[in-house]
N, C-alpha and C. Protein backbone atom coordinates (compact mmCIF):
# COMPACT_ATOMS: atom_id res chain seq x y z
N MET A 1 -17.66 10.59 -28.22
CA MET A 1 -17.00 9.45 -27.64
C MET A 1 -17.97 8.69 -26.75
N ARG A 2 -17.68 7.46 -26.47
CA ARG A 2 -18.54 6.58 -25.68
C ARG A 2 -17.81 6.25 -24.38
N TRP A 3 -18.56 6.14 -23.28
CA TRP A 3 -17.97 5.91 -21.97
C TRP A 3 -18.58 4.69 -21.29
N LEU A 4 -17.75 3.94 -20.60
CA LEU A 4 -18.20 2.91 -19.69
C LEU A 4 -17.94 3.41 -18.28
N VAL A 5 -18.91 3.23 -17.42
CA VAL A 5 -18.71 3.47 -16.00
C VAL A 5 -18.65 2.08 -15.38
N VAL A 6 -17.48 1.70 -14.92
CA VAL A 6 -17.27 0.36 -14.36
C VAL A 6 -17.34 0.49 -12.84
N VAL A 7 -18.29 -0.22 -12.24
CA VAL A 7 -18.55 -0.13 -10.80
C VAL A 7 -18.00 -1.39 -10.12
N ARG A 8 -17.37 -1.19 -8.98
CA ARG A 8 -16.86 -2.34 -8.22
C ARG A 8 -18.01 -3.25 -7.84
N ARG A 9 -17.79 -4.55 -7.89
CA ARG A 9 -18.85 -5.51 -7.58
C ARG A 9 -19.31 -5.41 -6.13
N GLU A 10 -18.49 -4.84 -5.27
CA GLU A 10 -18.84 -4.68 -3.86
C GLU A 10 -19.75 -3.48 -3.63
N GLU A 11 -20.16 -2.79 -4.69
CA GLU A 11 -20.95 -1.57 -4.58
C GLU A 11 -22.28 -1.68 -5.35
N PRO A 12 -23.16 -2.62 -4.98
CA PRO A 12 -24.40 -2.78 -5.75
C PRO A 12 -25.32 -1.55 -5.68
N GLY A 13 -25.35 -0.85 -4.56
CA GLY A 13 -26.17 0.35 -4.46
C GLY A 13 -25.68 1.46 -5.38
N LEU A 14 -24.37 1.61 -5.48
CA LEU A 14 -23.80 2.60 -6.39
C LEU A 14 -24.13 2.25 -7.83
N TYR A 15 -24.06 0.97 -8.16
CA TYR A 15 -24.40 0.54 -9.51
C TYR A 15 -25.83 0.94 -9.87
N VAL A 16 -26.78 0.66 -8.98
CA VAL A 16 -28.18 1.01 -9.23
C VAL A 16 -28.33 2.52 -9.38
N SER A 17 -27.69 3.26 -8.51
CA SER A 17 -27.78 4.72 -8.55
C SER A 17 -27.22 5.29 -9.86
N LEU A 18 -26.07 4.80 -10.29
CA LEU A 18 -25.47 5.29 -11.53
C LEU A 18 -26.28 4.86 -12.75
N ARG A 19 -26.85 3.65 -12.72
CA ARG A 19 -27.72 3.22 -13.82
C ARG A 19 -28.90 4.19 -13.98
N ARG A 20 -29.50 4.56 -12.87
CA ARG A 20 -30.62 5.51 -12.92
C ARG A 20 -30.16 6.87 -13.43
N ARG A 21 -29.03 7.31 -12.94
CA ARG A 21 -28.51 8.65 -13.31
C ARG A 21 -28.26 8.77 -14.81
N PHE A 22 -27.72 7.72 -15.41
CA PHE A 22 -27.35 7.77 -16.83
C PHE A 22 -28.36 7.09 -17.74
N GLU A 23 -29.49 6.71 -17.22
CA GLU A 23 -30.53 6.08 -18.03
C GLU A 23 -30.95 7.00 -19.17
N GLY A 24 -30.99 6.44 -20.37
CA GLY A 24 -31.39 7.21 -21.54
C GLY A 24 -30.26 7.95 -22.24
N ILE A 25 -29.08 7.96 -21.65
CA ILE A 25 -27.92 8.60 -22.29
C ILE A 25 -27.19 7.52 -23.07
N LEU A 26 -27.28 7.61 -24.38
CA LEU A 26 -26.79 6.53 -25.25
C LEU A 26 -25.29 6.33 -25.22
N TRP A 27 -24.53 7.35 -24.92
CA TRP A 27 -23.08 7.23 -24.99
C TRP A 27 -22.45 6.86 -23.64
N VAL A 28 -23.29 6.53 -22.64
CA VAL A 28 -22.79 6.09 -21.34
C VAL A 28 -23.42 4.74 -21.00
N GLU A 29 -22.57 3.77 -20.63
CA GLU A 29 -23.05 2.47 -20.19
C GLU A 29 -22.45 2.18 -18.83
N VAL A 30 -23.28 1.77 -17.89
CA VAL A 30 -22.83 1.45 -16.55
C VAL A 30 -22.83 -0.07 -16.41
N ILE A 31 -21.68 -0.61 -16.01
CA ILE A 31 -21.55 -2.06 -15.86
C ILE A 31 -20.86 -2.37 -14.53
N VAL A 32 -21.00 -3.61 -14.08
CA VAL A 32 -20.31 -4.09 -12.88
C VAL A 32 -19.02 -4.76 -13.32
N ASP A 33 -17.96 -4.50 -12.59
CA ASP A 33 -16.67 -5.14 -12.87
C ASP A 33 -16.82 -6.65 -12.76
N ARG A 34 -16.48 -7.37 -13.82
CA ARG A 34 -16.63 -8.82 -13.84
C ARG A 34 -15.31 -9.55 -13.59
N ARG A 35 -14.23 -8.82 -13.52
CA ARG A 35 -12.94 -9.47 -13.38
C ARG A 35 -12.82 -10.20 -12.04
N MET A 36 -12.25 -11.37 -12.09
CA MET A 36 -12.05 -12.18 -10.88
C MET A 36 -10.55 -12.37 -10.61
N GLY A 37 -9.71 -11.66 -11.31
CA GLY A 37 -8.28 -11.86 -11.20
C GLY A 37 -7.72 -12.18 -12.57
N GLU A 38 -6.52 -12.65 -12.60
CA GLU A 38 -5.88 -12.99 -13.86
C GLU A 38 -6.54 -14.23 -14.44
N ARG A 39 -7.03 -14.13 -15.67
CA ARG A 39 -7.75 -15.25 -16.28
C ARG A 39 -6.83 -16.28 -16.90
N ARG A 40 -5.70 -15.86 -17.38
CA ARG A 40 -4.82 -16.77 -18.10
C ARG A 40 -3.86 -17.44 -17.13
N GLY A 41 -4.04 -18.73 -16.95
CA GLY A 41 -3.12 -19.48 -16.11
C GLY A 41 -1.91 -19.92 -16.91
N ARG A 42 -0.87 -20.27 -16.25
CA ARG A 42 0.34 -20.74 -16.91
C ARG A 42 0.53 -22.23 -16.67
N SER A 43 -0.54 -23.02 -16.79
CA SER A 43 -0.43 -24.44 -16.50
C SER A 43 0.38 -25.18 -17.56
N ALA A 44 0.29 -24.75 -18.81
CA ALA A 44 1.04 -25.42 -19.87
C ALA A 44 2.02 -24.42 -20.47
N ALA A 45 3.15 -24.93 -20.91
CA ALA A 45 4.14 -24.07 -21.54
C ALA A 45 3.60 -23.57 -22.89
N VAL A 46 3.80 -22.29 -23.15
CA VAL A 46 3.34 -21.69 -24.39
C VAL A 46 4.56 -21.21 -25.16
N SER A 47 4.68 -21.64 -26.40
CA SER A 47 5.87 -21.27 -27.17
C SER A 47 5.85 -19.80 -27.57
N THR A 48 4.70 -19.31 -28.05
CA THR A 48 4.59 -17.90 -28.41
C THR A 48 3.23 -17.39 -28.01
N ASP A 49 3.20 -16.16 -27.57
CA ASP A 49 1.95 -15.53 -27.18
C ASP A 49 1.44 -14.72 -28.36
N CYS A 50 0.19 -14.91 -28.73
CA CYS A 50 -0.37 -14.23 -29.89
C CYS A 50 -0.63 -12.75 -29.64
N ARG A 51 -0.77 -12.38 -28.41
CA ARG A 51 -1.02 -10.96 -28.11
C ARG A 51 0.26 -10.16 -28.24
N ARG A 52 0.11 -8.95 -28.76
CA ARG A 52 1.27 -8.06 -28.86
C ARG A 52 1.64 -7.48 -27.51
N ALA A 53 0.62 -7.23 -26.67
CA ALA A 53 0.86 -6.66 -25.35
C ALA A 53 -0.33 -6.96 -24.47
N ASP A 54 -0.16 -6.78 -23.19
CA ASP A 54 -1.26 -6.94 -22.26
C ASP A 54 -2.27 -5.83 -22.50
N ARG A 55 -3.54 -6.17 -22.59
CA ARG A 55 -4.56 -5.16 -22.88
C ARG A 55 -4.92 -4.34 -21.66
N ARG A 56 -4.67 -4.85 -20.50
CA ARG A 56 -4.93 -4.08 -19.28
C ARG A 56 -3.79 -3.12 -19.05
N ARG A 57 -4.15 -1.88 -18.85
CA ARG A 57 -3.11 -0.90 -18.53
C ARG A 57 -3.22 -0.55 -17.06
N PRO A 58 -2.11 -0.21 -16.42
CA PRO A 58 -2.18 0.14 -15.00
C PRO A 58 -3.02 1.40 -14.82
N LEU A 59 -3.70 1.49 -13.69
CA LEU A 59 -4.48 2.69 -13.40
C LEU A 59 -3.55 3.83 -13.02
N VAL A 60 -3.82 5.00 -13.58
CA VAL A 60 -3.07 6.19 -13.16
C VAL A 60 -3.56 6.56 -11.76
N PRO A 61 -2.80 7.36 -11.01
CA PRO A 61 -3.18 7.64 -9.62
C PRO A 61 -4.62 8.17 -9.45
N GLN A 62 -5.08 9.05 -10.33
CA GLN A 62 -6.45 9.57 -10.18
C GLN A 62 -7.48 8.46 -10.36
N GLU A 63 -7.26 7.57 -11.32
CA GLU A 63 -8.19 6.46 -11.55
C GLU A 63 -8.17 5.50 -10.36
N ARG A 64 -6.99 5.21 -9.85
CA ARG A 64 -6.87 4.30 -8.71
C ARG A 64 -7.58 4.88 -7.49
N ASP A 65 -7.42 6.19 -7.26
CA ASP A 65 -8.09 6.85 -6.14
C ASP A 65 -9.60 6.80 -6.29
N ARG A 66 -10.10 7.06 -7.50
CA ARG A 66 -11.54 7.02 -7.74
C ARG A 66 -12.06 5.60 -7.53
N TRP A 67 -11.33 4.62 -8.02
CA TRP A 67 -11.73 3.21 -7.89
C TRP A 67 -11.80 2.82 -6.42
N GLN A 68 -10.79 3.21 -5.63
CA GLN A 68 -10.74 2.83 -4.23
C GLN A 68 -11.68 3.67 -3.36
N SER A 69 -11.77 4.96 -3.63
CA SER A 69 -12.56 5.84 -2.79
C SER A 69 -14.04 5.88 -3.16
N PHE A 70 -14.32 5.93 -4.45
CA PHE A 70 -15.69 6.12 -4.90
C PHE A 70 -16.33 4.85 -5.44
N GLY A 71 -15.55 3.83 -5.77
CA GLY A 71 -16.10 2.56 -6.19
C GLY A 71 -16.41 2.43 -7.67
N TYR A 72 -15.87 3.32 -8.49
CA TYR A 72 -16.10 3.22 -9.94
C TYR A 72 -14.91 3.82 -10.68
N ARG A 73 -14.87 3.55 -11.97
CA ARG A 73 -13.90 4.22 -12.84
C ARG A 73 -14.54 4.44 -14.20
N LEU A 74 -14.03 5.40 -14.93
CA LEU A 74 -14.52 5.75 -16.26
C LEU A 74 -13.57 5.21 -17.30
N VAL A 75 -14.13 4.64 -18.37
CA VAL A 75 -13.33 4.10 -19.46
C VAL A 75 -13.89 4.64 -20.77
N ARG A 76 -13.06 5.32 -21.53
CA ARG A 76 -13.48 5.80 -22.85
C ARG A 76 -13.33 4.65 -23.85
N THR A 77 -14.42 4.35 -24.59
CA THR A 77 -14.39 3.17 -25.45
C THR A 77 -14.47 3.48 -26.93
N GLY A 78 -14.79 4.67 -27.34
CA GLY A 78 -14.86 4.93 -28.78
C GLY A 78 -15.97 5.89 -29.14
N GLN A 79 -16.51 5.72 -30.33
CA GLN A 79 -17.53 6.61 -30.85
C GLN A 79 -18.91 6.29 -30.28
N PRO A 80 -19.77 7.32 -30.10
CA PRO A 80 -21.13 7.06 -29.62
C PRO A 80 -21.94 6.33 -30.69
N PRO A 81 -22.96 5.60 -30.26
CA PRO A 81 -23.82 4.91 -31.23
C PRO A 81 -24.59 5.91 -32.07
N ALA A 82 -24.93 5.53 -33.29
CA ALA A 82 -25.65 6.42 -34.20
C ALA A 82 -27.11 6.54 -33.81
């Protein structure tokens, strides 16, 4: 399986540290959280939404604690690269 380590943007030192720690491990990628809030505005009325469901899922308590306390979260994304 492949993992993303998503680091809070307020934690640049942690990002650098985790990048070094996982350097050379192909199935782990460390990235900075790019989200700025809800991207989809409701300025115009939309008759139907093409998405079946919201792709963001709520954080479970352990993930929320790690995000708030440690400044990162782990996301499983699929198969490792060949």
